[in-house]
N, C-alpha and C. Protein backbone atom coordinates (compact mmCIF):
# COMPACT_ATOMS: atom_id res chain seq x y z
N MET A 1 7.13 -19.83 73.57
CA MET A 1 7.91 -18.75 73.01
C MET A 1 7.20 -17.44 73.28
N PRO A 2 7.87 -16.51 73.90
CA PRO A 2 7.22 -15.23 74.18
C PRO A 2 7.02 -14.41 72.92
N ARG A 3 5.96 -13.62 72.90
CA ARG A 3 5.68 -12.74 71.76
C ARG A 3 6.02 -11.32 72.17
N TYR A 4 6.62 -10.61 71.24
CA TYR A 4 7.00 -9.23 71.51
C TYR A 4 6.35 -8.31 70.48
N VAL A 5 6.02 -7.13 70.92
CA VAL A 5 5.53 -6.10 70.03
C VAL A 5 6.73 -5.24 69.65
N LYS A 6 6.73 -4.70 68.43
CA LYS A 6 7.87 -3.98 67.91
C LYS A 6 8.38 -2.88 68.85
N ASN A 7 7.50 -2.16 69.49
CA ASN A 7 7.96 -1.06 70.35
C ASN A 7 8.20 -1.50 71.79
N GLU A 8 8.09 -2.79 72.07
CA GLU A 8 8.31 -3.31 73.41
C GLU A 8 9.80 -3.53 73.65
N LYS A 9 10.23 -3.32 74.88
CA LYS A 9 11.62 -3.53 75.24
C LYS A 9 11.99 -5.01 75.03
N GLY A 10 13.12 -5.25 74.43
CA GLY A 10 13.55 -6.62 74.19
C GLY A 10 13.13 -7.17 72.84
N TYR A 11 12.46 -6.36 72.04
CA TYR A 11 11.99 -6.82 70.73
C TYR A 11 13.14 -7.30 69.84
N GLU A 12 14.22 -6.51 69.78
CA GLU A 12 15.34 -6.86 68.92
C GLU A 12 15.99 -8.18 69.33
N LYS A 13 15.89 -8.51 70.59
CA LYS A 13 16.52 -9.74 71.08
C LYS A 13 15.57 -10.93 71.06
N SER A 14 14.35 -10.73 70.57
CA SER A 14 13.36 -11.79 70.63
C SER A 14 13.60 -12.91 69.63
N PHE A 15 14.43 -12.66 68.62
CA PHE A 15 14.72 -13.72 67.66
C PHE A 15 16.12 -13.50 67.08
N ASP A 16 16.71 -14.59 66.61
CA ASP A 16 18.02 -14.52 65.99
C ASP A 16 17.84 -14.54 64.49
N ALA A 17 18.62 -13.72 63.81
CA ALA A 17 18.57 -13.70 62.35
C ALA A 17 19.95 -13.37 61.83
N ASP A 18 20.26 -13.92 60.68
CA ASP A 18 21.52 -13.61 60.01
C ASP A 18 21.25 -12.41 59.10
N TRP A 19 21.40 -11.22 59.66
CA TRP A 19 21.05 -9.99 58.95
C TRP A 19 21.92 -9.79 57.72
N LYS A 20 23.15 -10.22 57.79
CA LYS A 20 24.04 -10.08 56.64
C LYS A 20 23.51 -10.90 55.46
N ALA A 21 23.09 -12.13 55.72
CA ALA A 21 22.54 -12.99 54.68
C ALA A 21 21.23 -12.43 54.13
N ILE A 22 20.42 -11.86 55.01
CA ILE A 22 19.15 -11.28 54.58
C ILE A 22 19.40 -10.10 53.66
N LYS A 23 20.34 -9.22 54.02
CA LYS A 23 20.66 -8.07 53.17
C LYS A 23 21.22 -8.51 51.83
N GLU A 24 22.07 -9.54 51.84
CA GLU A 24 22.63 -10.07 50.59
C GLU A 24 21.51 -10.62 49.71
N GLY A 25 20.57 -11.32 50.31
CA GLY A 25 19.44 -11.86 49.56
C GLY A 25 18.60 -10.75 48.94
N LEU A 26 18.37 -9.69 49.69
CA LEU A 26 17.62 -8.55 49.15
C LEU A 26 18.35 -7.90 48.00
N ARG A 27 19.67 -7.81 48.10
CA ARG A 27 20.44 -7.21 47.02
C ARG A 27 20.31 -8.05 45.75
N LYS A 28 20.32 -9.36 45.89
CA LYS A 28 20.17 -10.24 44.73
C LYS A 28 18.79 -10.07 44.10
N VAL A 29 17.77 -9.92 44.93
CA VAL A 29 16.42 -9.74 44.41
C VAL A 29 16.35 -8.44 43.61
N ARG A 30 16.96 -7.36 44.14
CA ARG A 30 16.96 -6.09 43.43
C ARG A 30 17.69 -6.20 42.10
N VAL A 31 18.82 -6.89 42.08
CA VAL A 31 19.57 -7.05 40.84
C VAL A 31 18.75 -7.84 39.84
N LYS A 32 18.13 -8.90 40.31
CA LYS A 32 17.33 -9.74 39.43
C LYS A 32 16.15 -8.95 38.87
N ALA A 33 15.55 -8.10 39.68
CA ALA A 33 14.40 -7.32 39.23
C ALA A 33 14.79 -6.30 38.16
N THR A 34 16.05 -5.88 38.13
CA THR A 34 16.48 -4.89 37.14
C THR A 34 16.95 -5.53 35.85
N GLU A 35 17.14 -6.83 35.82
CA GLU A 35 17.54 -7.51 34.59
C GLU A 35 16.38 -7.47 33.60
N PRO A 36 16.68 -7.35 32.30
CA PRO A 36 15.59 -7.35 31.32
C PRO A 36 14.89 -8.71 31.30
N LYS A 37 13.61 -8.67 31.05
CA LYS A 37 12.84 -9.92 31.01
C LYS A 37 13.18 -10.69 29.74
N LYS A 38 13.12 -11.99 29.83
CA LYS A 38 13.37 -12.84 28.68
C LYS A 38 12.06 -13.04 27.92
N VAL A 39 12.17 -13.22 26.63
CA VAL A 39 10.99 -13.42 25.78
C VAL A 39 10.81 -14.92 25.57
N PRO A 40 9.68 -15.47 25.96
CA PRO A 40 9.47 -16.90 25.74
C PRO A 40 9.34 -17.22 24.25
N THR A 41 9.95 -18.31 23.85
CA THR A 41 9.88 -18.76 22.46
C THR A 41 9.52 -20.23 22.44
N SER A 42 9.25 -20.72 21.26
CA SER A 42 8.90 -22.13 21.12
C SER A 42 9.71 -22.72 19.97
N ILE A 43 10.17 -23.94 20.17
CA ILE A 43 10.95 -24.62 19.13
C ILE A 43 10.60 -26.11 19.19
N ALA A 44 10.43 -26.72 18.02
CA ALA A 44 10.11 -28.15 17.95
C ALA A 44 11.41 -28.92 17.72
N LEU A 45 11.70 -29.86 18.60
CA LEU A 45 12.91 -30.66 18.50
C LEU A 45 12.55 -32.14 18.52
N ASP A 46 13.40 -32.93 17.92
CA ASP A 46 13.22 -34.38 17.91
C ASP A 46 13.28 -34.89 19.35
N PRO A 47 12.37 -35.75 19.76
CA PRO A 47 12.35 -36.25 21.15
C PRO A 47 13.66 -36.91 21.57
N ARG A 48 14.35 -37.58 20.63
CA ARG A 48 15.63 -38.21 20.98
C ARG A 48 16.68 -37.16 21.31
N PHE A 49 16.65 -36.03 20.57
CA PHE A 49 17.60 -34.96 20.85
C PHE A 49 17.31 -34.35 22.23
N VAL A 50 16.03 -34.16 22.52
CA VAL A 50 15.66 -33.59 23.82
C VAL A 50 16.11 -34.53 24.94
N ALA A 51 15.96 -35.82 24.75
CA ALA A 51 16.41 -36.79 25.76
C ALA A 51 17.92 -36.69 25.97
N GLU A 52 18.68 -36.58 24.87
CA GLU A 52 20.14 -36.43 24.99
C GLU A 52 20.49 -35.11 25.67
N LEU A 53 19.76 -34.08 25.32
CA LEU A 53 19.99 -32.76 25.90
C LEU A 53 19.75 -32.81 27.41
N LYS A 54 18.69 -33.49 27.82
CA LYS A 54 18.38 -33.62 29.25
C LYS A 54 19.48 -34.39 29.98
N LYS A 55 20.00 -35.43 29.35
CA LYS A 55 21.09 -36.19 29.97
C LYS A 55 22.32 -35.30 30.16
N GLU A 56 22.66 -34.55 29.11
CA GLU A 56 23.83 -33.67 29.19
C GLU A 56 23.61 -32.58 30.25
N ALA A 57 22.42 -32.03 30.29
CA ALA A 57 22.11 -31.00 31.28
C ALA A 57 22.20 -31.57 32.69
N ASN A 58 21.71 -32.77 32.87
CA ASN A 58 21.79 -33.43 34.18
C ASN A 58 23.25 -33.66 34.56
N HIS A 59 24.05 -34.07 33.60
CA HIS A 59 25.49 -34.28 33.84
C HIS A 59 26.17 -32.98 34.27
N ARG A 60 25.76 -31.86 33.66
CA ARG A 60 26.35 -30.56 33.98
C ARG A 60 25.70 -29.91 35.20
N GLY A 61 24.57 -30.45 35.64
CA GLY A 61 23.90 -29.92 36.82
C GLY A 61 23.09 -28.66 36.58
N VAL A 62 22.55 -28.52 35.35
CA VAL A 62 21.71 -27.36 35.02
C VAL A 62 20.42 -27.86 34.39
N PRO A 63 19.35 -27.07 34.45
CA PRO A 63 18.12 -27.45 33.74
C PRO A 63 18.36 -27.47 32.23
N TYR A 64 17.67 -28.35 31.51
CA TYR A 64 17.95 -28.48 30.08
C TYR A 64 17.57 -27.24 29.29
N GLN A 65 16.57 -26.47 29.75
CA GLN A 65 16.21 -25.24 29.05
C GLN A 65 17.36 -24.23 29.13
N ILE A 66 18.03 -24.18 30.28
CA ILE A 66 19.17 -23.28 30.45
C ILE A 66 20.31 -23.71 29.53
N LEU A 67 20.53 -25.02 29.45
CA LEU A 67 21.58 -25.54 28.57
C LEU A 67 21.28 -25.19 27.11
N MET A 68 20.03 -25.32 26.70
CA MET A 68 19.66 -24.93 25.33
C MET A 68 19.93 -23.45 25.10
N ARG A 69 19.56 -22.61 26.08
CA ARG A 69 19.80 -21.18 25.95
C ARG A 69 21.30 -20.89 25.83
N MET A 70 22.10 -21.60 26.62
CA MET A 70 23.55 -21.41 26.55
C MET A 70 24.07 -21.77 25.16
N PHE A 71 23.61 -22.90 24.61
CA PHE A 71 24.05 -23.32 23.29
C PHE A 71 23.66 -22.30 22.22
N ILE A 72 22.44 -21.80 22.30
CA ILE A 72 21.96 -20.82 21.31
C ILE A 72 22.79 -19.55 21.38
N ILE A 73 22.99 -19.04 22.59
CA ILE A 73 23.74 -17.78 22.75
C ILE A 73 25.18 -17.96 22.29
N GLU A 74 25.83 -19.04 22.72
CA GLU A 74 27.23 -19.28 22.32
C GLU A 74 27.35 -19.46 20.81
N GLY A 75 26.43 -20.20 20.22
CA GLY A 75 26.46 -20.41 18.77
C GLY A 75 26.24 -19.12 18.01
N PHE A 76 25.33 -18.30 18.49
CA PHE A 76 25.05 -17.02 17.83
C PHE A 76 26.25 -16.09 17.93
N GLN A 77 26.88 -16.04 19.11
CA GLN A 77 28.06 -15.19 19.28
C GLN A 77 29.21 -15.65 18.39
N ARG A 78 29.39 -16.96 18.28
CA ARG A 78 30.42 -17.52 17.41
C ARG A 78 30.14 -17.16 15.95
N MET A 79 28.89 -17.24 15.55
CA MET A 79 28.49 -16.90 14.19
C MET A 79 28.76 -15.42 13.88
N LYS A 80 28.46 -14.55 14.86
CA LYS A 80 28.69 -13.12 14.66
C LYS A 80 30.18 -12.82 14.51
N LYS A 81 31.02 -13.50 15.30
CA LYS A 81 32.47 -13.29 15.20
C LYS A 81 33.00 -13.70 13.82
N GLN A 82 32.48 -14.79 13.28
CA GLN A 82 32.94 -15.29 11.98
C GLN A 82 32.48 -14.38 10.85
N ALA A 83 31.39 -13.67 11.04
CA ALA A 83 30.85 -12.80 9.98
C ALA A 83 31.71 -11.57 9.79
N PHE A 84 32.48 -11.17 10.80
CA PHE A 84 33.28 -9.95 10.68
C PHE A 84 34.71 -10.25 10.41
């Protein structure tokens, strides 16, 4: 494989790249970097519940921590709606 220097003729043609996909990936990184950081928390759960949670998460195709976060957020939003 020939090596090219950036200012050498033919540099742009020295490799193939999906520039559209690269730009899209960079845009996602920028969006992700601007999202607020999450605060780590700790919660003690019964091991049997965690096992069931992992099974359900696997069935849905998401990590179980994400599924727990979804349940907490949805439950909290539902609780807020009922309070008003």
